[in-house]
């Protein structure tokens, strides 16, 4: 069984990559506000969405998104 990815895990990954939500949201296919709600635990996080967010963060990090 795959490990469960929590909103806290995703927030930490995003912070480490220094990528803003508005850059991740188009890769994931949801509105940045909804993504923020998911990462704050206000909206449900499905395993599929968690995987898409992690892949988006990784892709943006590899593309060399500039740190703010």
Protein backbone atom coordinates (compact mmCIF):
# COMPACT_ATOMS: atom_id res chain seq x y z
CA UNK A 1 0.00 0.00 0.00
CA UNK A 2 1.31 3.43 -0.96
CA UNK A 3 1.96 5.96 1.82
CA UNK A 4 -0.78 8.49 2.42
CA UNK A 5 0.12 12.02 1.30
CA UNK A 6 -1.30 14.69 3.59
CA UNK A 7 -1.95 18.38 2.91
CA UNK A 8 0.94 19.13 5.28
CA UNK A 9 3.27 17.03 3.11
CA UNK A 10 2.23 18.98 0.03
CA UNK A 11 2.64 22.35 1.76
CA UNK A 12 6.13 21.34 2.87
CA UNK A 13 7.07 20.18 -0.64
CA UNK A 14 5.78 23.43 -2.12
CA UNK A 15 7.71 25.49 0.43
CA UNK A 16 10.93 23.56 -0.22
CA UNK A 17 10.54 24.07 -3.97
CA UNK A 18 9.61 27.75 -3.46
CA UNK A 19 6.86 27.52 -6.08
CA UNK A 20 3.71 29.66 -5.67
CA UNK A 21 0.24 28.12 -5.83
CA UNK A 22 -0.68 30.04 -8.96
CA UNK A 23 2.12 28.19 -10.81
CA UNK A 24 1.06 24.75 -9.54
CA UNK A 25 -2.69 25.12 -10.14
CA UNK A 26 -2.58 25.05 -14.00
CA UNK A 27 -0.49 21.87 -13.94
CA UNK A 28 -3.03 20.26 -11.62
CA UNK A 29 -6.05 21.61 -13.46
CA UNK A 30 -7.82 23.38 -10.60
CA UNK A 31 -8.33 26.96 -9.48
CA UNK A 32 -5.51 28.35 -7.27
CA UNK A 33 -8.00 29.26 -4.55
CA UNK A 34 -9.36 25.71 -4.46
CA UNK A 35 -5.81 24.35 -4.35
CA UNK A 36 -5.11 26.63 -1.40
CA UNK A 37 -8.23 25.32 0.35
CA UNK A 38 -7.07 21.75 -0.25
CA UNK A 39 -3.59 22.46 1.13
CA UNK A 40 -5.10 24.11 4.21
CA UNK A 41 -7.37 21.11 4.85
CA UNK A 42 -10.58 23.01 4.06
CA UNK A 43 -11.37 20.90 0.98
CA UNK A 44 -10.84 17.15 0.56
CA UNK A 45 -7.53 15.87 -0.77
CA UNK A 46 -7.90 12.77 -2.92
CA UNK A 47 -4.91 10.50 -3.53
CA UNK A 48 -5.06 11.33 -7.24
CA UNK A 49 -4.96 15.08 -6.58
CA UNK A 50 -2.07 14.65 -4.14
CA UNK A 51 -0.09 12.77 -6.78
CA UNK A 52 -0.83 15.42 -9.42
CA UNK A 53 0.30 18.19 -7.07
CA UNK A 54 3.56 16.38 -6.27
CA UNK A 55 4.22 15.82 -9.98
CA UNK A 56 3.52 19.50 -10.71
CA UNK A 57 5.90 20.66 -7.97
CA UNK A 58 8.59 18.31 -9.28
CA UNK A 59 8.09 19.48 -12.88
CA UNK A 60 8.31 23.15 -11.90
CA UNK A 61 11.41 22.50 -9.82
CA UNK A 62 13.08 20.71 -12.76
CA UNK A 63 12.17 23.53 -15.13
CA UNK A 64 14.13 25.84 -12.88
CA UNK A 65 11.31 28.05 -11.66
CA UNK A 66 13.10 31.07 -10.15
CA UNK A 67 12.94 31.48 -6.38
CA UNK A 68 10.97 34.47 -5.18
